[in-house]
Amino acid sequence: MDAFSGLLIPLLFLAVLYFLLIRPQQKRQRQHRDLIASLQKGDDVVTIGGMHGRVQSVADDYVDLEVTDDTVLRFQRQAVARKVTYGEQVEESSKA
């Protein structure tokens, strides 16, 4: 019984560490990987640098974003942070 109780505390600590730190990070990575895989022409996105744009084309490693009517910038696909809807973009730009 004494040897088991000596192992119980470290095992509980590792379990708490896993559920509080490791598992949520893996979930975020999986969601981001799914987001990048689902990018399509016409999606409104925000990059990790805060650049808003509309996807014009998607390649294996790159995505071209139209940020103004005549400006298209190329980003790595991993630089896309999230997709946004038109309502979200209007709200965010009105806060600035």
PDB file of N, CA and C in Angstrom:
ATOM      1  N   MET A   1       0.829  -1.196   0.000  1.00  0.00           N
ATOM      2  CA  MET A   1       0.000   0.000   0.000  1.00  0.00           C
ATOM      3  C   MET A   1       0.871   1.257   0.000  1.00  0.00           C
ATOM      4  N   ASP A   2       1.970   1.236   0.750  1.00  0.00           N
ATOM      5  CA  ASP A   2       2.833   2.409   0.844  1.00  0.00           C
ATOM      6  C   ASP A   2       3.514   2.711  -0.497  1.00  0.00           C
ATOM      7  N   ALA A   3       3.937   1.677  -1.221  1.00  0.00           N
ATOM      8  CA  ALA A   3       4.575   1.881  -2.521  1.00  0.00           C
ATOM      9  C   ALA A   3       3.564   2.435  -3.532  1.00  0.00           C
ATOM     10  N   PHE A   4       2.331   1.978  -3.451  1.00  0.00           N
ATOM     11  CA  PHE A   4       1.286   2.460  -4.357  1.00  0.00           C
ATOM     12  C   PHE A   4       0.976   3.928  -4.099  1.00  0.00           C
ATOM     13  N   SER A   5       0.915   4.329  -2.845  1.00  0.00           N
ATOM     14  CA  SER A   5       0.619   5.730  -2.538  1.00  0.00           C
ATOM     15  C   SER A   5       1.782   6.638  -2.941  1.00  0.00           C
ATOM     16  N   GLY A   6       2.987   6.107  -2.964  1.00  0.00           N
ATOM     17  CA  GLY A   6       4.132   6.885  -3.419  1.00  0.00           C
ATOM     18  C   GLY A   6       4.081   7.161  -4.918  1.00  0.00           C
ATOM     19  N   LEU A   7       3.461   6.284  -5.672  1.00  0.00           N
ATOM     20  CA  LEU A   7       3.312   6.475  -7.114  1.00  0.00           C
ATOM     21  C   LEU A   7       2.042   7.238  -7.474  1.00  0.00           C
ATOM     22  N   LEU A   8       1.095   7.250  -6.573  1.00  0.00           N
ATOM     23  CA  LEU A   8      -0.202   7.862  -6.862  1.00  0.00           C
ATOM     24  C   LEU A   8      -0.089   9.369  -7.094  1.00  0.00           C
ATOM     25  N   ILE A   9       0.644  10.067  -6.266  1.00  0.00           N
ATOM     26  CA  ILE A   9       0.776  11.525  -6.387  1.00  0.00           C
ATOM     27  C   ILE A   9       1.423  11.914  -7.726  1.00  0.00           C
ATOM     28  N   PRO A  10       2.568  11.333  -8.116  1.00  0.00           N
ATOM     29  CA  PRO A  10       3.142  11.700  -9.422  1.00  0.00           C
ATOM     30  C   PRO A  10       2.228  11.338 -10.601  1.00  0.00           C
ATOM     31  N   LEU A  11       1.530  10.210 -10.513  1.00  0.00           N
ATOM     32  CA  LEU A  11       0.620   9.834 -11.592  1.00  0.00           C
ATOM     33  C   LEU A  11      -0.546  10.810 -11.699  1.00  0.00           C
ATOM     34  N   LEU A  12      -1.083  11.228 -10.582  1.00  0.00           N
ATOM     35  CA  LEU A  12      -2.159  12.222 -10.599  1.00  0.00           C
ATOM     36  C   LEU A  12      -1.654  13.549 -11.155  1.00  0.00           C
ATOM     37  N   PHE A  13      -0.449  13.928 -10.779  1.00  0.00           N
ATOM     38  CA  PHE A  13       0.136  15.163 -11.293  1.00  0.00           C
ATOM     39  C   PHE A  13       0.292  15.102 -12.810  1.00  0.00           C
ATOM     40  N   LEU A  14       0.785  13.986 -13.327  1.00  0.00           N
ATOM     41  CA  LEU A  14       0.943  13.825 -14.771  1.00  0.00           C
ATOM     42  C   LEU A  14      -0.406  13.841 -15.488  1.00  0.00           C
ATOM     43  N   ALA A  15      -1.422  13.237 -14.884  1.00  0.00           N
ATOM     44  CA  ALA A  15      -2.752  13.237 -15.494  1.00  0.00           C
ATOM     45  C   ALA A  15      -3.318  14.651 -15.559  1.00  0.00           C
ATOM     46  N   VAL A  16      -3.169  15.418 -14.488  1.00  0.00           N
ATOM     47  CA  VAL A  16      -3.647  16.802 -14.477  1.00  0.00           C
ATOM     48  C   VAL A  16      -2.872  17.625 -15.502  1.00  0.00           C
ATOM     49  N   LEU A  17      -1.576  17.444 -15.568  1.00  0.00           N
ATOM     50  CA  LEU A  17      -0.746  18.151 -16.535  1.00  0.00           C
ATOM     51  C   LEU A  17      -1.193  17.846 -17.964  1.00  0.00           C
ATOM     52  N   TYR A  18      -1.487  16.594 -18.235  1.00  0.00           N
ATOM     53  CA  TYR A  18      -1.931  16.197 -19.570  1.00  0.00           C
ATOM     54  C   TYR A  18      -3.246  16.880 -19.934  1.00  0.00           C
ATOM     55  N   PHE A  19      -4.224  16.841 -19.041  1.00  0.00           N
ATOM     56  CA  PHE A  19      -5.547  17.385 -19.359  1.00  0.00           C
ATOM     57  C   PHE A  19      -5.593  18.909 -19.345  1.00  0.00           C
ATOM     58  N   LEU A  20      -4.691  19.557 -18.631  1.00  0.00           N
ATOM     59  CA  LEU A  20      -4.698  21.016 -18.587  1.00  0.00           C
ATOM     60  C   LEU A  20      -3.795  21.662 -19.636  1.00  0.00           C
ATOM     61  N   LEU A  21      -2.720  20.995 -20.029  1.00  0.00           N
ATOM     62  CA  LEU A  21      -1.764  21.611 -20.948  1.00  0.00           C
ATOM     63  C   LEU A  21      -1.647  20.908 -22.296  1.00  0.00           C
ATOM     64  N   ILE A  22      -1.411  19.630 -22.276  1.00  0.00           N
ATOM     65  CA  ILE A  22      -1.080  18.920 -23.508  1.00  0.00           C
ATOM     66  C   ILE A  22      -2.301  18.706 -24.395  1.00  0.00           C
ATOM     67  N   ARG A  23      -3.378  18.221 -23.835  1.00  0.00           N
ATOM     68  CA  ARG A  23      -4.570  17.921 -24.633  1.00  0.00           C
ATOM     69  C   ARG A  23      -5.165  19.164 -25.295  1.00  0.00           C
ATOM     70  N   PRO A  24      -5.327  20.296 -24.594  1.00  0.00           N
ATOM     71  CA  PRO A  24      -5.857  21.489 -25.273  1.00  0.00           C
ATOM     72  C   PRO A  24      -4.955  21.970 -26.415  1.00  0.00           C
ATOM     73  N   GLN A  25      -3.638  21.881 -26.244  1.00  0.00           N
ATOM     74  CA  GLN A  25      -2.722  22.289 -27.308  1.00  0.00           C
ATOM     75  C   GLN A  25      -2.871  21.385 -28.523  1.00  0.00           C
ATOM     76  N   GLN A  26      -3.006  20.090 -28.308  1.00  0.00           N
ATOM     77  CA  GLN A  26      -3.198  19.165 -29.420  1.00  0.00           C
ATOM     78  C   GLN A  26      -4.511  19.458 -30.143  1.00  0.00           C
ATOM     79  N   LYS A  27      -5.541  19.824 -29.392  1.00  0.00           N
ATOM     80  CA  LYS A  27      -6.837  20.152 -29.989  1.00  0.00           C
ATOM     81  C   LYS A  27      -6.722  21.405 -30.860  1.00  0.00           C
ATOM     82  N   ARG A  28      -6.021  22.440 -30.360  1.00  0.00           N
ATOM     83  CA  ARG A  28      -5.825  23.658 -31.151  1.00  0.00           C
ATOM     84  C   ARG A  28      -5.029  23.371 -32.419  1.00  0.00           C
ATOM     85  N   GLN A  29      -3.996  22.540 -32.323  1.00  0.00           N
ATOM     86  CA  GLN A  29      -3.200  22.186 -33.498  1.00  0.00           C
ATOM     87  C   GLN A  29      -4.044  21.446 -34.530  1.00  0.00           C
ATOM     88  N   ARG A  30      -4.890  20.538 -34.070  1.00  0.00           N
ATOM     89  CA  ARG A  30      -5.753  19.790 -34.974  1.00  0.00           C
ATOM     90  C   ARG A  30      -6.752  20.720 -35.664  1.00  0.00           C
ATOM     91  N   GLN A  31      -7.336  21.662 -34.913  1.00  0.00           N
ATOM     92  CA  GLN A  31      -8.281  22.609 -35.496  1.00  0.00           C
ATOM     93  C   GLN A  31      -7.599  23.494 -36.537  1.00  0.00           C
ATOM     94  N   HIS A  32      -6.377  23.949 -36.254  1.00  0.00           N
ATOM     95  CA  HIS A  32      -5.652  24.797 -37.197  1.00  0.00           C
ATOM     96  C   HIS A  32      -5.282  24.013 -38.454  1.00  0.00           C
ATOM     97  N   ARG A  33      -4.871  22.770 -38.288  1.00  0.00           N
ATOM     98  CA  ARG A  33      -4.541  21.917 -39.430  1.00  0.00           C
ATOM     99  C   ARG A  33      -5.780  21.703 -40.310  1.00  0.00           C
ATOM    100  N   ASP A  34      -6.948  21.493 -39.679  1.00  0.00           N
ATOM    101  CA  ASP A  34      -8.194  21.335 -40.433  1.00  0.00           C
ATOM    102  C   ASP A  34      -8.573  22.629 -41.149  1.00  0.00           C
ATOM    103  N   LEU A  35      -8.362  23.767 -40.489  1.00  0.00           N
ATOM    104  CA  LEU A  35      -8.649  25.062 -41.104  1.00  0.00           C
ATOM    105  C   LEU A  35      -7.800  25.260 -42.353  1.00  0.00           C
ATOM    106  N   ILE A  36      -6.523  25.003 -42.251  1.00  0.00           N
ATOM    107  CA  ILE A  36      -5.615  25.188 -43.381  1.00  0.00           C
ATOM    108  C   ILE A  36      -5.990  24.258 -44.531  1.00  0.00           C
ATOM    109  N   ALA A  37      -6.379  23.033 -44.200  1.00  0.00           N
ATOM    110  CA  ALA A  37      -6.749  22.074 -45.244  1.00  0.00           C
ATOM    111  C   ALA A  37      -8.052  22.462 -45.939  1.00  0.00           C
ATOM    112  N   SER A  38      -8.917  23.218 -45.262  1.00  0.00           N
ATOM    113  CA  SER A  38     -10.228  23.542 -45.829  1.00  0.00           C
ATOM    114  C   SER A  38     -10.277  24.898 -46.525  1.00  0.00           C
ATOM    115  N   LEU A  39      -9.142  25.588 -46.657  1.00  0.00           N
ATOM    116  CA  LEU A  39      -9.149  26.894 -47.316  1.00  0.00           C
ATOM    117  C   LEU A  39      -9.586  26.769 -48.771  1.00  0.00           C
ATOM    118  N   GLN A  40     -10.484  27.677 -49.177  1.00  0.00           N
ATOM    119  CA  GLN A  40     -10.985  27.684 -50.546  1.00  0.00           C
ATOM    120  C   GLN A  40     -11.003  29.109 -51.069  1.00  0.00           C
ATOM    121  N   LYS A  41     -11.023  29.230 -52.370  1.00  0.00           N
ATOM    122  CA  LYS A  41     -11.103  30.542 -53.000  1.00  0.00           C
ATOM    123  C   LYS A  41     -12.387  31.230 -52.537  1.00  0.00           C
ATOM    124  N   GLY A  42     -12.252  32.507 -52.148  1.00  0.00           N
ATOM    125  CA  GLY A  42     -13.401  33.283 -51.699  1.00  0.00           C
ATOM    126  C   GLY A  42     -13.564  33.353 -50.193  1.00  0.00           C
ATOM    127  N   ASP A  43     -12.817  32.548 -49.428  1.00  0.00           N
ATOM    128  CA  ASP A  43     -12.895  32.596 -47.965  1.00  0.00           C
ATOM    129  C   ASP A  43     -12.287  33.894 -47.458  1.00  0.00           C
ATOM    130  N   ASP A  44     -12.945  34.525 -46.504  1.00  0.00           N
ATOM    131  CA  ASP A  44     -12.383  35.692 -45.825  1.00  0.00           C
ATOM    132  C   ASP A  44     -11.597  35.188 -44.626  1.00  0.00           C
ATOM    133  N   VAL A  45     -10.333  35.618 -44.519  1.00  0.00           N
ATOM    134  CA  VAL A  45      -9.449  35.112 -43.475  1.00  0.00           C
ATOM    135  C   VAL A  45      -8.671  36.247 -42.825  1.00  0.00           C
ATOM    136  N   VAL A  46      -8.082  35.931 -41.672  1.00  0.00           N
ATOM    137  CA  VAL A  46      -7.159  36.823 -40.973  1.00  0.00           C
ATOM    138  C   VAL A  46      -5.869  36.047 -40.776  1.00  0.00           C
ATOM    139  N   THR A  47      -4.734  36.688 -41.054  1.00  0.00           N
ATOM    140  CA  THR A  47      -3.442  36.033 -40.865  1.00  0.00           C
ATOM    141  C   THR A  47      -2.989  36.203 -39.414  1.00  0.00           C
ATOM    142  N   ILE A  48      -1.901  35.533 -39.063  1.00  0.00           N
ATOM    143  CA  ILE A  48      -1.375  35.651 -37.708  1.00  0.00           C
ATOM    144  C   ILE A  48      -0.848  37.048 -37.432  1.00  0.00           C
ATOM    145  N   GLY A  49      -0.563  37.810 -38.491  1.00  0.00           N
ATOM    146  CA  GLY A  49      -0.107  39.193 -38.345  1.00  0.00           C
ATOM    147  C   GLY A  49      -1.245  40.198 -38.309  1.00  0.00           C
ATOM    148  N   GLY A  50      -2.491  39.725 -38.442  1.00  0.00           N
ATOM    149  CA  GLY A  50      -3.642  40.610 -38.385  1.00  0.00           C
ATOM    150  C   GLY A  50      -4.110  41.126 -39.737  1.00  0.00           C
ATOM    151  N   MET A  51      -3.537  40.645 -40.820  1.00  0.00           N
ATOM    152  CA  MET A  51      -3.922  41.080 -42.164  1.00  0.00           C
ATOM    153  C   MET A  51      -5.227  40.392 -42.567  1.00  0.00           C
ATOM    154  N   HIS A  52      -6.220  41.192 -42.943  1.00  0.00           N
ATOM    155  CA  HIS A  52      -7.498  40.663 -43.416  1.00  0.00           C
ATOM    156  C   HIS A  52      -7.450  40.561 -44.931  1.00  0.00           C
ATOM    157  N   GLY A  53      -8.010  39.497 -45.477  1.00  0.00           N
ATOM    158  CA  GLY A  53      -8.042  39.358 -46.921  1.00  0.00           C
ATOM    159  C   GLY A  53      -8.977  38.257 -47.365  1.00  0.00           C
ATOM    160  N   ARG A  54      -9.169  38.195 -48.665  1.00  0.00           N
ATOM    161  CA  ARG A  54     -10.010  37.163 -49.280  1.00  0.00           C
ATOM    162  C   ARG A  54      -9.098  36.255 -50.096  1.00  0.00           C
ATOM    163  N   VAL A  55      -9.278  34.950 -49.924  1.00  0.00           N
ATOM    164  CA  VAL A  55      -8.449  33.971 -50.617  1.00  0.00           C
ATOM    165  C   VAL A  55      -8.728  34.042 -52.115  1.00  0.00           C
ATOM    166  N   GLN A  56      -7.664  34.243 -52.901  1.00  0.00           N
ATOM    167  CA  GLN A  56      -7.775  34.275 -54.361  1.00  0.00           C
ATOM    168  C   GLN A  56      -7.349  32.952 -54.986  1.00  0.00           C
ATOM    169  N   SER A  57      -6.317  32.342 -54.420  1.00  0.00           N
ATOM    170  CA  SER A  57      -5.876  31.037 -54.909  1.00  0.00           C
ATOM    171  C   SER A  57      -5.168  30.304 -53.779  1.00  0.00           C
ATOM    172  N   VAL A  58      -5.186  28.978 -53.883  1.00  0.00           N
ATOM    173  CA  VAL A  58      -4.584  28.128 -52.863  1.00  0.00           C
ATOM    174  C   VAL A  58      -3.647  27.151 -53.558  1.00  0.00           C
ATOM    175  N   ALA A  59      -2.398  27.114 -53.106  1.00  0.00           N
ATOM    176  CA  ALA A  59      -1.416  26.145 -53.605  1.00  0.00           C
ATOM    177  C   ALA A  59      -1.048  25.212 -52.455  1.00  0.00           C
ATOM    178  N   ASP A  60      -0.099  24.320 -52.701  1.00  0.00           N
ATOM    179  CA  ASP A  60       0.289  23.369 -51.657  1.00  0.00           C
ATOM    180  C   ASP A  60       0.783  24.064 -50.395  1.00  0.00           C
ATOM    181  N   ASP A  61       1.679  25.033 -50.548  1.00  0.00           N
ATOM    182  CA  ASP A  61       2.281  25.691 -49.393  1.00  0.00           C
ATOM    183  C   ASP A  61       1.884  27.146 -49.239  1.00  0.00           C
ATOM    184  N   TYR A  62       1.257  27.726 -50.265  1.00  0.00           N
ATOM    185  CA  TYR A  62       0.976  29.157 -50.253  1.00  0.00           C
ATOM    186  C   TYR A  62      -0.491  29.439 -50.525  1.00  0.00           C
ATOM    187  N   VAL A  63      -0.905  30.622 -50.077  1.00  0.00           N
ATOM    188  CA  VAL A  63      -2.250  31.111 -50.350  1.00  0.00           C
ATOM    189  C   VAL A  63      -2.109  32.577 -50.753  1.00  0.00           C
ATOM    190  N   ASP A  64      -2.806  32.973 -51.799  1.00  0.00           N
ATOM    191  CA  ASP A  64      -2.797  34.362 -52.250  1.00  0.00           C
ATOM    192  C   ASP A  64      -4.036  35.047 -51.702  1.00  0.00           C
ATOM    193  N   LEU A  65      -3.825  36.167 -50.988  1.00  0.00           N
ATOM    194  CA  LEU A  65      -4.925  36.908 -50.380  1.00  0.00           C
ATOM    195  C   LEU A  65      -5.072  38.260 -51.054  1.00  0.00           C
ATOM    196  N   GLU A  66      -6.297  38.594 -51.406  1.00  0.00           N
ATOM    197  CA  GLU A  66      -6.598  39.919 -51.930  1.00  0.00           C
ATOM    198  C   GLU A  66      -6.929  40.797 -50.729  1.00  0.00           C
ATOM    199  N   VAL A  67      -6.083  41.798 -50.479  1.00  0.00           N
ATOM    200  CA  VAL A  67      -6.281  42.655 -49.311  1.00  0.00           C
ATOM    201  C   VAL A  67      -6.966  43.964 -49.676  1.00  0.00           C
ATOM    202  N   THR A  68      -6.816  44.407 -50.914  1.00  0.00           N
ATOM    203  CA  THR A  68      -7.586  45.525 -51.461  1.00  0.00           C
ATOM    204  C   THR A  68      -7.980  45.128 -52.878  1.00  0.00           C
ATOM    205  N   ASP A  69      -8.691  46.018 -53.557  1.00  0.00           N
ATOM    206  CA  ASP A  69      -9.178  45.670 -54.891  1.00  0.00           C
ATOM    207  C   ASP A  69      -8.068  45.304 -55.866  1.00  0.00           C
ATOM    208  N   ASP A  70      -6.915  45.919 -55.754  1.00  0.00           N
ATOM    209  CA  ASP A  70      -5.847  45.642 -56.717  1.00  0.00           C
ATOM    210  C   ASP A  70      -4.555  45.154 -56.062  1.00  0.00           C
ATOM    211  N   THR A  71      -4.633  44.663 -54.832  1.00  0.00           N
ATOM    212  CA  THR A  71      -3.439  44.184 -54.131  1.00  0.00           C
ATOM    213  C   THR A  71      -3.641  42.741 -53.686  1.00  0.00           C
ATOM    214  N   VAL A  72      -2.790  41.862 -54.204  1.00  0.00           N
ATOM    215  CA  VAL A  72      -2.817  40.452 -53.824  1.00  0.00           C
ATOM    216  C   VAL A  72      -1.468  40.121 -53.204  1.00  0.00           C
ATOM    217  N   LEU A  73      -1.496  39.577 -51.991  1.00  0.00           N
ATOM    218  CA  LEU A  73      -0.271  39.206 -51.274  1.00  0.00           C
ATOM    219  C   LEU A  73      -0.218  37.700 -51.111  1.00  0.00           C
ATOM    220  N   ARG A  74       0.994  37.145 -51.138  1.00  0.00           N
ATOM    221  CA  ARG A  74       1.177  35.705 -50.976  1.00  0.00           C
ATOM    222  C   ARG A  74       1.658  35.418 -49.556  1.00  0.00           C
ATOM    223  N   PHE A  75       0.996  34.466 -48.905  1.00  0.00           N
ATOM    224  CA  PHE A  75       1.339  34.039 -47.550  1.00  0.00           C
ATOM    225  C   PHE A  75       1.510  32.527 -47.539  1.00  0.00           C
ATOM    226  N   GLN A  76       2.278  32.045 -46.583  1.00  0.00           N
ATOM    227  CA  GLN A  76       2.305  30.610 -46.353  1.00  0.00           C
ATOM    228  C   GLN A  76       0.965  30.216 -45.753  1.00  0.00           C
ATOM    229  N   ARG A  77       0.514  29.014 -46.053  1.00  0.00           N
ATOM    230  CA  ARG A  77      -0.800  28.579 -45.556  1.00  0.00           C
ATOM    231  C   ARG A  77      -0.852  28.598 -44.026  1.00  0.00           C
ATOM    232  N   GLN A  78       0.256  28.292 -43.365  1.00  0.00           N
ATOM    233  CA  GLN A  78       0.286  28.265 -41.906  1.00  0.00           C
ATOM    234  C   GLN A  78       0.087  29.642 -41.306  1.00  0.00           C
ATOM    235  N   ALA A  79       0.246  30.703 -42.107  1.00  0.00           N
ATOM    236  CA  ALA A  79       0.079  32.064 -41.599  1.00  0.00           C
ATOM    237  C   ALA A  79      -1.384  32.451 -41.438  1.00  0.00           C
ATOM    238  N   VAL A  80      -2.299  31.655 -41.970  1.00  0.00           N
ATOM    239  CA  VAL A  80      -3.724  31.951 -41.809  1.00  0.00           C
ATOM    240  C   VAL A  80      -4.131  31.548 -40.398  1.00  0.00           C
ATOM    241  N   ALA A  81      -4.637  32.518 -39.634  1.00  0.00           N
ATOM    242  CA  ALA A  81      -5.014  32.256 -38.251  1.00  0.00           C
ATOM    243  C   ALA A  81      -6.441  31.746 -38.136  1.00  0.00           C
ATOM    244  N   ARG A  82      -7.362  32.363 -38.910  1.00  0.00           N
ATOM    245  CA  ARG A  82      -8.762  31.947 -38.801  1.00  0.00           C
ATOM    246  C   ARG A  82      -9.559  32.492 -39.968  1.00  0.00           C
ATOM    247  N   LYS A  83     -10.716  31.863 -40.168  1.00  0.00           N
ATOM    248  CA  LYS A  83     -11.683  32.362 -41.142  1.00  0.00           C
ATOM    249  C   LYS A  83     -12.604  33.326 -40.417  1.00  0.00           C
ATOM    250  N   VAL A  84     -13.105  34.307 -41.133  1.00  0.00           N
ATOM    251  CA  VAL A  84     -14.054  35.251 -40.545  1.00  0.00           C
ATOM    252  C   VAL A  84     -15.265  35.358 -41.455  1.00  0.00           C
ATOM    253  N   THR A  85     -16.365  35.766 -40.858  1.00  0.00           N
ATOM    254  CA  THR A  85     -17.551  36.062 -41.646  1.00  0.00           C
ATOM    255  C   THR A  85     -17.618  37.563 -41.843  1.00  0.00           C
ATOM    256  N   TYR A  86     -18.396  38.005 -42.772  1.00  0.00           N
ATOM    257  CA  TYR A  86     -18.472  39.430 -43.082  1.00  0.00           C
ATOM    258  C   TYR A  86     -18.885  40.230 -41.851  1.00  0.00           C
ATOM    259  N   GLY A  87     -19.799  39.746 -41.052  1.00  0.00           N
ATOM    260  CA  GLY A  87     -20.238  40.454 -39.850  1.00  0.00           C
ATOM    261  C   GLY A  87     -19.115  40.651 -38.855  1.00  0.00           C
ATOM    262  N   GLU A  88     -18.250  39.654 -38.694  1.00  0.00           N
ATOM    263  CA  GLU A  88     -17.119  39.774 -37.775  1.00  0.00           C
ATOM    264  C   GLU A  88     -16.149  40.838 -38.253  1.00  0.00           C
ATOM    265  N   GLN A  89     -15.892  40.911 -39.564  1.00  0.00           N
ATOM    266  CA  GLN A  89     -14.959  41.905 -40.082  1.00  0.00           C
ATOM    267  C   GLN A  89     -15.485  43.307 -39.842  1.00  0.00           C
ATOM    268  N   VAL A  90     -16.770  43.521 -40.033  1.00  0.00           N
ATOM    269  CA  VAL A  90     -17.345  44.846 -39.833  1.00  0.00           C
ATOM    270  C   VAL A  90     -17.237  45.241 -38.370  1.00  0.00           C
ATOM    271  N   GLU A  91     -17.531  44.323 -37.451  1.00  0.00           N
ATOM    272  CA  GLU A  91     -17.446  44.624 -36.024  1.00  0.00           C
ATOM    273  C   GLU A  91     -16.020  44.965 -35.626  1.00  0.00           C
ATOM    274  N   GLU A  92     -15.033  44.181 -36.082  1.00  0.00           N
ATOM    275  CA  GLU A  92     -13.647  44.413 -35.700  1.00  0.00           C
ATOM    276  C   GLU A  92     -13.136  45.735 -36.246  1.00  0.00           C
ATOM    277  N   SER A  93     -13.484  46.073 -37.486  1.00  0.00           N
ATOM    278  CA  SER A  93     -12.981  47.322 -38.044  1.00  0.00           C
ATOM    279  C   SER A  93     -13.679  48.524 -37.435  1.00  0.00           C
ATOM    280  N   SER A  94     -14.885  48.367 -36.915  1.00  0.00           N
ATOM    281  CA  SER A  94     -15.550  49.498 -36.268  1.00  0.00           C
ATOM    282  C   SER A  94     -14.971  49.759 -34.882  1.00  0.00           C
ATOM    283  N   LYS A  95     -14.321  48.755 -34.271  1.00  0.00           N
ATOM    284  CA  LYS A  95     -13.692  48.939 -32.961  1.00  0.00           C
ATOM    285  C   LYS A  95     -12.397  49.725 -33.076  1.00  0.00           C
ATOM    286  N   ALA A  96     -11.732  49.630 -34.209  1.00  0.00           N
ATOM    287  CA  ALA A  96     -10.413  50.262 -34.381  1.00  0.00           C
ATOM    288  C   ALA A  96     -10.490  51.757 -34.476  1.00  0.00           C
TER     289      ALA A  96
END
